[in-house]
Amino acid sequence: MIKKKYLSFLTLVILVISTFNSYSQVVYTPVESRVYNFLERLSLKGIIDFNNEVLPKSRKKIAEHLTEAKEKMHLLNDLEKSDLQWYEEEYSYEMKSEKERWYLINYTDSVYVLRVSPFGGYGISGTGKNNGHTRWPGVTFYFTYSEWFGGSFQYVDYGEFGDNVDKDKNFSIRTGHFIKTAPDGIEFSDVKGSINFNWDWGSISLIKDYTMWGHGKFGNLILSDKAASFPQIRFIFEPYEWLRFYYIHGWLNSLVYDSSFFQYNNINSSEPFLMKKYIDKYIAINMLTISPWKWFDLSVGNSFVYSGDLRPEAFIPFMYYKVMDHNTGREGLNDGNGIIFFDMAAKYPETFLFYTTFVIDVLNVRDILDGNWKTSWFGYTAGAKKTDLFIENLDLTIEYTRTDPWLYKNEDETTTYEHLNYSLGHWLGQNADQLRIQLDYSFIRGLRFSLFNQFIRKGGLKDIALAYSGGSREKFLYRPLRKDFIMGINCEYEPLHDLFIQAEYIYSDISDEDPDRTELWMLGEKNSYAFTVRYGL
């Protein structure tokens, strides 16, 4: 029998399929695709109307924007025209174009589309006297049936080896995974998949993939790809160009054992195997975006991380989750961790972008009125971008992010704003700040140079119980303090669709007052390099 907790989702899918007769297939383009930066540049120049408060976008939606740009070809410079022709090959089916790129398997008939590609890469790197290499084989495909169904799948097996392997990735924007130890390194896998339905004004998906919410070029406060992908029900509601609504209910991993479900397997063996279960953990999150003008987007939303039993009210997309624990009893098994957030982006004047994100984890109004801000936990990002700075195709981005002590944390470790112990929000986590300045330049199609300078500070990480006991109200960036100064250049070239050649040099100067927090090979002044060849997104 089908469990009751799945009936609501199945019922919703059936209603969607039976109610709407006008469908167009949905397959999502990965969040790391270059096409998003291309569309944003055209949007900042007033050529198209593109919003990116939530990524990824569907191939169909991206094709619509590319078609809009094609109709205004006379407004594009030479490099942008070349990029547009390149992406027309990538989205040829959606744009109904005869131009098409290569796939390992490429099948199309009157109702069915299948695209299969290899996925993999190899890279070498060095930091000071420490060296290593990485490899990742895999496969990816997507398919559509008729005009009402789309799906995708990707599997990649990663291995990182050498004496410069960053196992925990606690101070890296790179995604953190559940790893296993291998000879001279680590190994882990990444699996993504989706089934998607959509209609004229929205879509619904059962999906395991990465998603980014809010504006941030070097980290996202609301939702990011720092934590590994997790299964989720995703609902997007777009009835008008000026009104958009997003909702996710996701299944997370708490990595906290539920001892009541421990049991031995193969008990007749000389060494019975003890099977363990993690406490169930979930997230419900929504966001409403309003665009009163084409150049201005304002978003507001809230999230709720909870554990234990599935809560029916978490499946109401437009719920105010922050106060759900008021109806179940605080400090009970059904308690949760709520966050409120705001996001704003202004594309004005032309070629400029100004953006900010503000998240509120804990808000104590009485203490704020008394001048005490330490009992409230905030985080914010403020950034600006200028396209065509001085010369064509030179972009400048400046971004600052700050996170208060205890942000994303909770006294109940099963309801922290984390998946597999990695932040669902900004990769820096709590009690930190970051300033990054970056120049991006292209002069031929597919080749991009990035020059960047980054300053990071990370404070202490004391026991979360101190934040609730009343005995400790730590100030921002309390000790022990880690400081990072990073300066580097990155060059990436895409000579063929999905084939990337990347080289990077970084100078870093890292110090840490906590002797156990940072691996020794990272500390001090270091020169680092990396060279990578990969195929696939």
Protein backbone atom coordinates (compact mmCIF):
# COMPACT_ATOMS: atom_id res chain seq x y z
CA MET A 1 0.00 0.00 0.00
CA ILE A 2 1.07 3.58 -0.60
CA LYS A 3 1.90 5.36 2.62
CA LYS A 4 -0.38 8.23 3.53
CA LYS A 5 2.49 10.73 3.63
CA TYR A 6 2.95 10.34 -0.15
CA LEU A 7 -0.73 10.61 -1.08
CA SER A 8 -0.76 14.42 -1.06
CA PHE A 9 2.05 14.63 -3.61
CA LEU A 10 0.59 11.92 -5.86
CA THR A 11 -2.83 13.57 -5.73
CA LEU A 12 -1.32 16.91 -6.72
CA VAL A 13 0.48 15.36 -9.70
CA ILE A 14 -2.72 13.65 -10.87
CA LEU A 15 -4.67 16.90 -10.60
CA VAL A 16 -2.03 18.76 -12.58
CA ILE A 17 -1.99 16.17 -15.35
CA SER A 18 -5.75 15.90 -15.57
CA THR A 19 -6.53 19.62 -15.31
CA PHE A 20 -4.17 21.19 -17.83
CA ASN A 21 -4.10 20.39 -21.49
CA SER A 22 -1.33 22.77 -22.57
CA TYR A 23 2.11 21.45 -21.52
CA SER A 24 5.67 22.07 -22.51
CA GLN A 25 8.40 19.74 -21.31
CA VAL A 26 10.74 20.84 -18.51
CA VAL A 27 14.40 19.81 -18.17
CA TYR A 28 16.66 21.97 -16.02
CA THR A 29 20.01 23.42 -17.05
CA PRO A 30 22.65 22.94 -14.29
CA VAL A 31 23.30 25.94 -12.03
CA GLU A 32 26.96 26.12 -13.12
CA SER A 33 26.16 26.65 -16.81
CA ARG A 34 27.72 29.69 -18.47
CA VAL A 35 24.45 30.53 -20.16
CA TYR A 36 23.15 32.20 -16.99
CA ASN A 37 25.97 34.73 -16.99
CA PHE A 38 25.37 35.41 -20.69
CA LEU A 39 21.66 36.06 -20.16
CA GLU A 40 22.36 38.27 -17.16
CA ARG A 41 24.76 40.42 -19.18
CA LEU A 42 22.14 40.93 -21.88
CA SER A 43 19.56 41.73 -19.21
CA LEU A 44 21.80 44.37 -17.59
CA LYS A 45 22.21 45.98 -21.00
CA GLY A 46 18.43 46.15 -21.43
CA ILE A 47 18.34 43.74 -24.38
CA ILE A 48 16.23 41.02 -22.70
CA ASP A 49 14.22 40.67 -19.50
CA PHE A 50 15.87 37.93 -17.40
CA ASN A 51 15.45 37.25 -13.69
CA ASN A 52 17.76 34.94 -11.75
CA GLU A 53 16.69 35.09 -8.11
CA VAL A 54 16.25 31.31 -8.39
CA LEU A 55 18.39 28.86 -10.37
CA PRO A 56 18.31 26.51 -12.24
CA LYS A 57 16.00 27.46 -15.09
CA SER A 58 14.40 25.06 -17.52
CA ARG A 59 15.82 24.58 -21.00
CA LYS A 60 12.50 25.84 -22.36
CA LYS A 61 12.72 29.09 -20.36
CA ILE A 62 16.33 29.66 -21.37
CA ALA A 63 15.43 29.08 -25.03
CA GLU A 64 12.71 31.73 -24.76
CA HIS A 65 15.28 34.27 -23.57
CA LEU A 66 17.73 33.28 -26.31
CA THR A 67 14.98 33.67 -28.90
CA GLU A 68 14.23 37.12 -27.52
CA ALA A 69 17.91 38.02 -27.87
CA LYS A 70 18.00 36.67 -31.41
CA GLU A 71 15.18 39.02 -32.36
CA LYS A 72 17.38 41.92 -31.19
CA MET A 73 20.58 40.72 -32.78
CA HIS A 74 21.42 44.25 -33.94
CA LEU A 75 21.87 45.32 -30.29
CA LEU A 76 24.53 42.67 -29.55
CA ASN A 77 28.27 43.21 -29.96
CA ASP A 78 30.38 40.78 -31.99
CA LEU A 79 31.25 38.51 -29.05
CA GLU A 80 27.65 38.37 -27.87
CA LYS A 81 26.49 37.43 -31.37
CA SER A 82 29.03 34.61 -31.42
CA ASP A 83 27.89 33.43 -27.97
CA LEU A 84 24.26 33.51 -29.06
CA GLN A 85 24.99 31.33 -32.09
CA TRP A 86 26.83 28.92 -29.78
CA TYR A 87 23.87 28.64 -27.41
CA GLU A 88 21.49 28.26 -30.34
CA GLU A 89 23.32 25.02 -31.11
CA GLU A 90 22.93 23.94 -27.47
CA TYR A 91 19.18 24.72 -27.36
CA SER A 92 18.39 23.90 -30.98
CA TYR A 93 15.43 21.64 -30.22
CA GLU A 94 13.76 24.16 -27.88
CA MET A 95 14.45 27.04 -30.30
CA LYS A 96 13.33 24.95 -33.31
CA SER A 97 16.65 25.64 -34.98
CA GLU A 98 18.49 23.49 -37.50
CA LYS A 99 21.79 24.20 -35.78
CA GLU A 100 22.70 21.39 -33.38
CA ARG A 101 25.61 20.27 -31.24
CA TRP A 102 27.08 16.78 -30.86
CA TYR A 103 25.75 14.19 -28.39
CA LEU A 104 26.86 10.62 -27.82
CA ILE A 105 23.25 9.55 -28.40
CA ASN A 106 20.88 12.00 -30.06
CA TYR A 107 17.41 10.71 -30.83
CA THR A 108 14.37 12.76 -31.83
CA ASP A 109 11.00 11.78 -33.25
CA SER A 110 7.51 13.27 -33.23
CA VAL A 111 6.99 12.70 -29.48
CA TYR A 112 10.29 11.64 -27.92
CA VAL A 113 13.68 13.26 -27.36
CA LEU A 114 16.73 11.60 -25.82
CA ARG A 115 20.17 13.13 -25.31
CA VAL A 116 23.00 11.09 -23.75
CA SER A 117 26.49 12.43 -23.05
CA PRO A 118 29.62 11.21 -21.29
CA PHE A 119 30.66 13.08 -18.17
CA GLY A 120 34.13 13.19 -16.69
CA GLY A 121 37.39 14.94 -16.17
CA TYR A 122 40.90 14.89 -14.81
CA GLY A 123 42.89 17.53 -12.99
CA ILE A 124 46.22 18.12 -11.31
CA SER A 125 46.92 20.65 -8.56
CA GLY A 126 49.57 21.84 -6.17
CA THR A 127 49.74 24.00 -3.04
CA GLY A 128 53.27 24.83 -1.95
CA LYS A 129 55.11 21.49 -1.82
CA ASN A 130 51.90 19.47 -1.69
CA ASN A 131 50.46 17.98 -4.89
CA GLY A 132 47.50 15.91 -5.95
CA HIS A 133 45.15 14.86 -8.72
CA THR A 134 41.43 14.30 -9.23
CA ARG A 135 39.35 12.21 -11.60
CA TRP A 136 35.62 11.85 -12.18
CA PRO A 137 33.95 9.49 -14.74
CA GLY A 138 30.20 9.52 -15.21
CA VAL A 139 27.23 9.77 -17.53
CA THR A 140 24.37 12.21 -18.00
CA PHE A 141 21.17 12.22 -20.03
CA TYR A 142 17.82 13.93 -20.34
CA PHE A 143 14.64 13.03 -22.16
CA THR A 144 11.20 14.40 -22.96
CA TYR A 145 7.97 12.71 -23.94
CA SER A 146 5.38 14.57 -25.98
CA GLU A 147 4.92 18.09 -24.59
CA TRP A 148 4.00 17.25 -21.00
CA PHE A 149 6.87 15.30 -19.43
CA GLY A 150 10.61 15.69 -19.00
CA GLY A 151 13.27 13.94 -16.98
CA SER A 152 17.00 13.80 -16.39
CA PHE A 153 19.69 11.71 -14.73
CA GLN A 154 23.36 12.14 -13.91
CA TYR A 155 25.84 9.93 -12.08
CA VAL A 156 29.44 10.87 -11.37
CA ASP A 157 32.07 9.03 -9.30
CA TYR A 158 34.73 11.34 -7.86
CA GLY A 159 38.19 10.63 -6.51
CA GLU A 160 40.66 13.10 -4.99
CA PHE A 161 44.18 11.88 -4.23
CA GLY A 162 47.48 13.29 -2.98
CA ASP A 163 48.75 15.24 0.01
CA ASN A 164 46.74 18.40 -0.72
CA VAL A 165 43.25 16.86 -0.51
CA ASP A 166 40.77 19.13 1.26
CA LYS A 167 38.65 16.39 2.84
CA ASP A 168 36.19 18.53 4.80
CA LYS A 169 35.93 21.55 2.46
CA ASN A 170 34.81 23.71 5.40
CA PHE A 171 36.56 26.78 3.94
CA SER A 172 35.80 26.17 0.30
CA ILE A 173 32.90 27.09 -1.96
CA ARG A 174 33.10 23.58 -3.41
CA THR A 175 30.25 21.19 -2.62
CA GLY A 176 30.68 18.97 0.43
CA HIS A 177 29.74 15.28 0.19
CA PHE A 178 29.54 12.21 2.38
CA ILE A 179 32.98 10.75 1.66
CA LYS A 180 34.77 7.48 2.16
CA THR A 181 38.49 7.13 2.70
CA ALA A 182 40.53 5.71 -0.16
CA PRO A 183 44.25 4.95 -0.49
CA ASP A 184 46.00 8.33 -0.55
CA GLY A 185 42.74 10.27 -0.75
CA ILE A 186 38.95 10.26 -0.70
CA GLU A 187 36.11 9.10 -2.93
CA PHE A 188 32.45 10.10 -3.22
CA SER A 189 29.58 9.97 -5.68
CA ASP A 190 27.08 12.53 -6.91
CA VAL A 191 23.71 11.45 -8.28
CA LYS A 192 21.07 13.79 -9.70
CA GLY A 193 17.73 13.04 -11.27
CA SER A 194 14.31 14.53 -11.96
CA ILE A 195 10.82 14.00 -13.32
CA ASN A 196 9.09 17.22 -14.29
CA PHE A 197 5.66 18.42 -15.37
CA ASN A 198 4.77 21.95 -16.38
CA TRP A 199 1.98 24.05 -17.81
CA ASP A 200 1.51 27.66 -18.94
CA TRP A 201 1.84 29.27 -15.51
CA GLY A 202 3.97 26.86 -13.48
CA SER A 203 5.68 23.53 -12.97
CA ILE A 204 6.05 20.75 -10.44
CA SER A 205 8.98 18.36 -10.10
CA LEU A 206 10.18 15.45 -8.05
CA ILE A 207 13.87 16.12 -8.23
CA LYS A 208 17.27 15.53 -6.68
CA ASP A 209 19.44 18.39 -7.83
CA TYR A 210 21.12 21.61 -6.75
CA THR A 211 19.26 24.87 -6.41
CA MET A 212 20.29 28.46 -5.64
CA TRP A 213 18.01 31.08 -4.13
CA GLY A 214 18.87 34.74 -3.80
CA HIS A 215 21.53 36.92 -5.37
CA GLY A 216 25.17 36.18 -4.64
CA LYS A 217 28.02 35.65 -7.09
CA PHE A 218 30.42 34.04 -4.62
CA GLY A 219 28.03 32.37 -2.19
CA ASN A 220 24.27 32.33 -1.53
CA LEU A 221 22.78 33.03 1.89
CA ILE A 222 19.34 31.46 1.29
CA LEU A 223 20.00 28.27 -0.68
CA SER A 224 23.30 27.29 -2.27
CA ASP A 225 25.10 24.30 -3.75
CA LYS A 226 27.48 23.97 -0.79
CA ALA A 227 25.64 20.91 0.54
CA ALA A 228 25.15 17.86 -1.66
CA SER A 229 21.91 17.64 -3.62
CA PHE A 230 18.87 16.26 -1.79
CA PRO A 231 15.48 14.89 -2.97
CA GLN A 232 12.74 17.50 -3.06
CA ILE A 233 9.32 18.40 -4.34
CA ARG A 234 9.72 21.65 -6.27
CA PHE A 235 6.81 23.88 -7.26
CA ILE A 236 7.13 27.05 -9.37
CA PHE A 237 4.19 29.39 -9.89
CA GLU A 238 4.58 32.16 -12.52
CA PRO A 239 1.16 33.56 -13.47
CA TYR A 240 2.54 36.93 -14.61
CA GLU A 241 5.92 38.32 -15.64
CA TRP A 242 5.93 40.49 -12.52
CA LEU A 243 4.91 37.77 -10.05
CA ARG A 244 6.81 34.56 -9.25
CA PHE A 245 6.45 32.06 -6.40
CA TYR A 246 8.80 29.20 -5.47
CA TYR A 247 8.36 26.32 -3.05
CA ILE A 248 10.43 23.31 -2.00
CA HIS A 249 9.87 20.49 0.43
CA GLY A 250 13.08 18.50 0.79
CA TRP A 251 14.37 15.39 2.56
CA LEU A 252 17.67 16.07 4.35
CA ASN A 253 20.21 13.91 6.21
CA SER A 254 20.72 14.85 9.86
CA LEU A 255 23.70 12.49 10.43
CA VAL A 256 22.26 12.09 13.97
CA TYR A 257 21.60 8.48 14.92
CA ASP A 258 18.16 7.39 16.09
CA SER A 259 19.11 4.72 18.64
CA SER A 260 15.54 3.44 18.91
CA PHE A 261 15.90 1.97 15.40
CA PHE A 262 19.26 0.21 15.86
CA GLN A 263 19.11 -3.47 14.98
CA TYR A 264 21.49 -6.33 14.25
CA ASN A 265 21.51 -7.96 10.84
CA ASN A 266 22.77 -11.48 10.09
CA ILE A 267 22.59 -12.41 13.78
CA ASN A 268 23.76 -15.99 13.15
CA SER A 269 27.09 -14.68 11.88
CA SER A 270 30.19 -14.63 14.05
CA GLU A 271 30.18 -10.86 13.55
CA PRO A 272 26.57 -9.58 13.36
CA PHE A 273 26.20 -6.27 11.56
CA LEU A 274 24.67 -3.41 13.55
CA MET A 275 22.32 -1.40 11.31
CA LYS A 276 21.75 2.23 12.31
CA LYS A 277 19.18 4.81 11.29
CA TYR A 278 19.54 8.56 11.14
CA ILE A 279 16.82 10.79 12.55
CA ASP A 280 14.62 11.99 9.70
CA LYS A 281 15.11 15.63 8.74
CA TYR A 282 13.21 17.89 6.32
CA ILE A 283 13.06 21.42 4.96
CA ALA A 284 10.08 23.46 3.75
CA ILE A 285 10.92 26.77 2.08
CA ASN A 286 9.08 29.30 -0.06
CA MET A 287 9.75 32.66 -1.68
CA LEU A 288 7.57 35.28 -3.39
CA THR A 289 9.14 37.62 -5.94
CA ILE A 290 7.48 40.80 -7.19
CA SER A 291 8.85 42.93 -10.05
CA PRO A 292 7.03 46.29 -10.05
CA TRP A 293 9.45 47.43 -12.76
CA LYS A 294 11.44 45.34 -15.21
CA TRP A 295 14.64 46.52 -13.63
CA PHE A 296 13.69 45.78 -10.00
CA ASP A 297 13.01 42.46 -8.22
CA LEU A 298 11.96 42.17 -4.58
CA SER A 299 11.71 38.77 -2.88
CA VAL A 300 10.55 37.64 0.57
CA GLY A 301 10.28 34.15 2.00
CA ASN A 302 10.86 31.83 4.92
CA SER A 303 12.12 28.33 5.63
CA PHE A 304 11.56 25.69 8.29
CA VAL A 305 13.90 22.79 9.04
CA TYR A 306 12.31 20.10 11.18
CA SER A 307 12.93 16.49 12.18
CA GLY A 308 10.99 13.41 13.20
CA ASP A 309 7.56 12.96 11.63
CA LEU A 310 6.50 14.56 8.37
CA ARG A 311 4.29 17.56 9.12
CA PRO A 312 1.29 18.01 6.79
CA GLU A 313 1.34 21.81 7.08
CA ALA A 314 4.85 21.83 5.62
CA PHE A 315 3.28 20.77 2.30
CA ILE A 316 1.21 23.96 2.12
CA PRO A 317 3.37 25.99 -0.32
CA PHE A 318 2.39 29.48 0.92
CA MET A 319 2.66 28.72 4.66
CA TYR A 320 4.41 31.00 7.16
CA TYR A 321 6.71 28.31 8.53
CA LYS A 322 8.63 30.46 10.98
CA VAL A 323 5.92 30.11 13.65
CA MET A 324 4.95 26.48 13.08
CA ASP A 325 6.57 25.43 16.37
CA HIS A 326 4.17 27.76 18.25
CA ASN A 327 1.41 25.21 17.68
CA THR A 328 3.36 22.12 18.70
CA GLY A 329 5.23 23.27 21.78
CA ARG A 330 8.72 24.68 21.83
CA GLU A 331 11.56 22.32 22.75
CA GLY A 332 9.37 19.36 21.76
CA LEU A 333 10.21 16.63 19.29
CA ASN A 334 8.23 18.48 16.63
CA ASP A 335 10.03 21.78 17.17
CA GLY A 336 11.94 23.26 14.25
CA ASN A 337 14.30 25.95 13.05
CA GLY A 338 12.79 28.83 11.08
CA ILE A 339 14.51 31.54 9.01
CA ILE A 340 13.05 34.65 7.32
CA PHE A 341 14.80 36.19 4.32
CA PHE A 342 14.63 39.09 1.89
CA ASP A 343 16.33 39.57 -1.47
CA MET A 344 16.55 42.57 -3.79
CA ALA A 345 18.08 43.20 -7.21
CA ALA A 346 18.11 46.49 -9.13
CA LYS A 347 19.33 46.61 -12.74
CA TYR A 348 19.57 50.36 -12.90
CA PRO A 349 21.07 52.35 -14.48
CA GLU A 350 21.78 50.35 -17.62
CA THR A 351 24.80 47.98 -17.41
CA PHE A 352 24.68 48.10 -13.58
CA LEU A 353 23.37 45.56 -11.08
CA PHE A 354 22.95 46.22 -7.35
CA TYR A 355 21.78 43.38 -5.14
CA THR A 356 21.40 42.38 -1.50
CA THR A 357 20.16 39.42 0.53
CA PHE A 358 19.19 39.58 4.21
CA VAL A 359 18.42 36.54 6.39
CA ILE A 360 17.05 36.53 9.95
CA ASP A 361 17.53 33.39 12.02
CA VAL A 362 16.72 34.72 15.51
CA LEU A 363 15.10 38.11 16.17
CA ASN A 364 14.77 39.50 19.73
CA VAL A 365 13.02 42.84 19.33
CA ARG A 366 13.11 43.70 23.05
CA ASP A 367 16.89 43.34 23.20
CA ILE A 368 17.34 45.36 19.99
CA LEU A 369 15.28 48.21 21.46
CA ASP A 370 17.62 48.11 24.46
CA GLY A 371 20.62 48.36 22.15
CA ASN A 372 21.63 44.69 22.44
CA TRP A 373 22.06 43.06 19.03
CA LYS A 374 24.01 40.00 20.20
CA THR A 375 20.87 37.94 20.86
CA SER A 376 19.67 38.34 17.26
CA TRP A 377 21.29 36.34 14.47
CA PHE A 378 21.51 37.93 11.02
CA GLY A 379 23.32 37.49 7.76
CA TYR A 380 23.52 39.73 4.71
CA THR A 381 25.14 40.06 1.30
CA ALA A 382 25.59 43.33 -0.58
CA GLY A 383 27.01 43.41 -4.07
CA ALA A 384 27.33 45.35 -7.30
CA LYS A 385 28.20 44.43 -10.88
CA LYS A 386 29.12 46.60 -13.86
CA THR A 387 29.23 45.18 -17.38
CA ASP A 388 31.39 46.66 -20.15
CA LEU A 389 33.65 48.47 -17.70
CA PHE A 390 35.82 50.86 -19.75
CA ILE A 391 35.88 48.37 -22.65
CA GLU A 392 33.43 45.85 -24.11
CA ASN A 393 33.08 42.47 -22.37
CA LEU A 394 34.95 43.50 -19.22
CA ASP A 395 32.80 42.98 -16.11
CA LEU A 396 33.51 44.06 -12.53
CA THR A 397 31.83 42.48 -9.48
CA ILE A 398 32.24 43.56 -5.85
CA GLU A 399 30.51 41.59 -3.09
CA TYR A 400 30.54 41.60 0.72
CA THR A 401 28.90 38.98 2.97
CA ARG A 402 28.59 38.84 6.75
CA THR A 403 27.13 36.08 8.95
CA ASP A 404 26.54 36.51 12.69
CA PRO A 405 27.62 34.01 15.34
CA TRP A 406 25.19 31.05 15.58
CA LEU A 407 23.52 31.78 12.22
CA TYR A 408 22.15 28.56 10.64
CA LYS A 409 22.68 26.67 13.94
CA ASN A 410 20.16 25.44 16.51
CA GLU A 411 20.27 23.92 19.98
CA ASP A 412 18.62 20.83 18.45
CA GLU A 413 21.31 19.47 16.13
CA THR A 414 18.70 17.64 14.06
CA THR A 415 17.22 20.97 12.89
CA THR A 416 20.32 22.94 11.94
CA TYR A 417 20.17 24.64 8.52
CA GLU A 418 22.40 21.91 7.11
CA HIS A 419 22.41 18.73 5.04
CA LEU A 420 25.12 16.14 5.75
CA ASN A 421 26.56 18.75 8.16
CA TYR A 422 27.14 21.23 5.31
CA SER A 423 25.35 24.57 5.21
CA LEU A 424 22.27 24.90 3.02
CA GLY A 425 23.07 28.61 2.88
CA HIS A 426 26.38 30.41 2.50
CA TRP A 427 29.43 28.14 2.41
CA LEU A 428 31.22 30.22 5.08
CA GLY A 429 28.64 29.28 7.72
CA GLN A 430 28.31 31.27 10.93
CA ASN A 431 30.52 34.04 12.40
CA ALA A 432 32.38 35.07 9.25
CA ASP A 433 32.67 37.69 6.56
CA GLN A 434 33.95 37.82 3.00
CA LEU A 435 34.91 40.58 0.59
CA ARG A 436 35.60 39.65 -3.02
CA ILE A 437 36.48 41.81 -6.02
CA GLN A 438 36.55 40.15 -9.43
CA LEU A 439 37.15 41.17 -13.02
CA ASP A 440 35.89 38.93 -15.85
CA TYR A 441 37.00 39.45 -19.44
CA SER A 442 36.38 37.70 -22.76
CA PHE A 443 37.56 38.67 -26.22
CA ILE A 444 36.80 35.50 -28.18
CA ARG A 445 33.93 33.07 -27.83
CA GLY A 446 34.43 30.41 -25.15
CA LEU A 447 37.52 31.97 -23.55
CA ARG A 448 37.13 33.75 -20.23
CA PHE A 449 39.68 35.26 -17.85
CA SER A 450 38.90 36.04 -14.20
CA LEU A 451 41.14 38.09 -11.93
CA PHE A 452 40.08 38.13 -8.29
CA ASN A 453 41.03 39.29 -4.81
CA GLN A 454 39.32 37.90 -1.71
CA PHE A 455 39.46 38.61 2.02
CA ILE A 456 37.87 36.18 4.51
CA ARG A 457 37.61 36.22 8.29
CA LYS A 458 36.20 33.35 10.32
CA GLY A 459 35.65 33.65 14.06
CA GLY A 460 35.30 31.09 16.83
CA LEU A 461 32.81 28.23 16.91
CA LYS A 462 31.83 27.80 20.55
CA ASP A 463 29.22 25.41 21.89
CA ILE A 464 25.75 26.44 20.66
CA ALA A 465 24.42 25.90 24.20
CA LEU A 466 26.12 29.15 25.21
CA ALA A 467 23.81 31.07 22.88
CA TYR A 468 20.73 29.76 24.71
CA SER A 469 21.98 29.72 28.31
CA GLY A 470 22.13 33.51 28.71
CA GLY A 471 25.66 33.28 30.03
CA SER A 472 27.42 34.14 26.77
CA ARG A 473 26.63 36.78 24.16
CA GLU A 474 29.63 36.66 21.86
CA LYS A 475 30.44 39.56 19.59
CA PHE A 476 30.94 39.25 15.84
CA LEU A 477 34.22 37.50 14.88
CA TYR A 478 35.08 36.50 18.45
CA ARG A 479 38.34 34.54 18.74
CA PRO A 480 40.00 32.27 17.73
CA LEU A 481 40.18 34.00 14.36
CA ARG A 482 41.14 32.68 10.96
CA LYS A 483 42.15 35.14 8.20
CA ASP A 484 42.44 34.43 4.47
CA PHE A 485 43.97 36.70 1.86
CA ILE A 486 43.60 35.26 -1.63
CA MET A 487 44.62 36.65 -5.00
CA GLY A 488 44.41 34.73 -8.24
CA ILE A 489 43.68 34.39 -11.91
CA ASN A 490 41.54 31.80 -13.67
CA CYS A 491 41.38 31.00 -17.36
CA GLU A 492 38.69 28.75 -18.84
CA TYR A 493 38.14 27.78 -22.46
CA GLU A 494 35.27 25.85 -24.04
CA PRO A 495 36.42 24.86 -27.57
CA LEU A 496 33.59 22.32 -28.01
CA HIS A 497 30.19 22.07 -26.34
CA ASP A 498 30.69 20.89 -22.75
CA LEU A 499 34.46 20.46 -23.17
CA PHE A 500 36.30 22.77 -20.75
CA ILE A 501 40.01 23.41 -20.29
CA GLN A 502 40.79 25.35 -17.13
CA ALA A 503 43.98 26.71 -15.57
CA GLU A 504 44.24 28.63 -12.30
CA TYR A 505 46.92 30.27 -10.19
CA ILE A 506 46.33 31.47 -6.61
CA TYR A 507 48.48 33.23 -4.06
CA SER A 508 47.16 32.76 -0.53
CA ASP A 509 48.17 33.90 2.93
CA ILE A 510 46.18 32.05 5.63
CA SER A 511 46.52 32.27 9.40
CA ASP A 512 44.44 30.57 12.10
CA GLU A 513 44.55 31.07 15.87
CA ASP A 514 42.82 27.70 16.31
CA PRO A 515 45.57 25.05 15.90
CA ASP A 516 43.08 22.26 15.12
CA ARG A 517 40.82 23.97 12.59
CA THR A 518 43.04 24.33 9.51
CA GLU A 519 45.34 21.72 8.00
CA LEU A 520 49.00 22.69 8.17
CA TRP A 521 49.60 22.49 4.41
CA MET A 522 47.09 25.34 3.90
CA LEU A 523 48.65 27.79 6.40
CA GLY A 524 51.08 30.58 5.63
CA GLU A 525 51.99 32.08 2.28
CA LYS A 526 51.35 29.60 -0.50
CA ASN A 527 51.41 29.51 -4.29
CA SER A 528 48.81 27.17 -5.76
CA TYR A 529 48.01 25.98 -9.24
CA ALA A 530 45.39 23.77 -10.86
CA PHE A 531 44.93 22.46 -14.40
CA THR A 532 41.75 20.63 -15.35
CA VAL A 533 40.17 19.13 -18.45
CA ARG A 534 36.53 18.11 -18.14
CA TYR A 535 33.58 17.17 -20.28
CA GLY A 536 30.00 17.80 -19.22
CA LEU A 537 27.97 20.02 -16.92
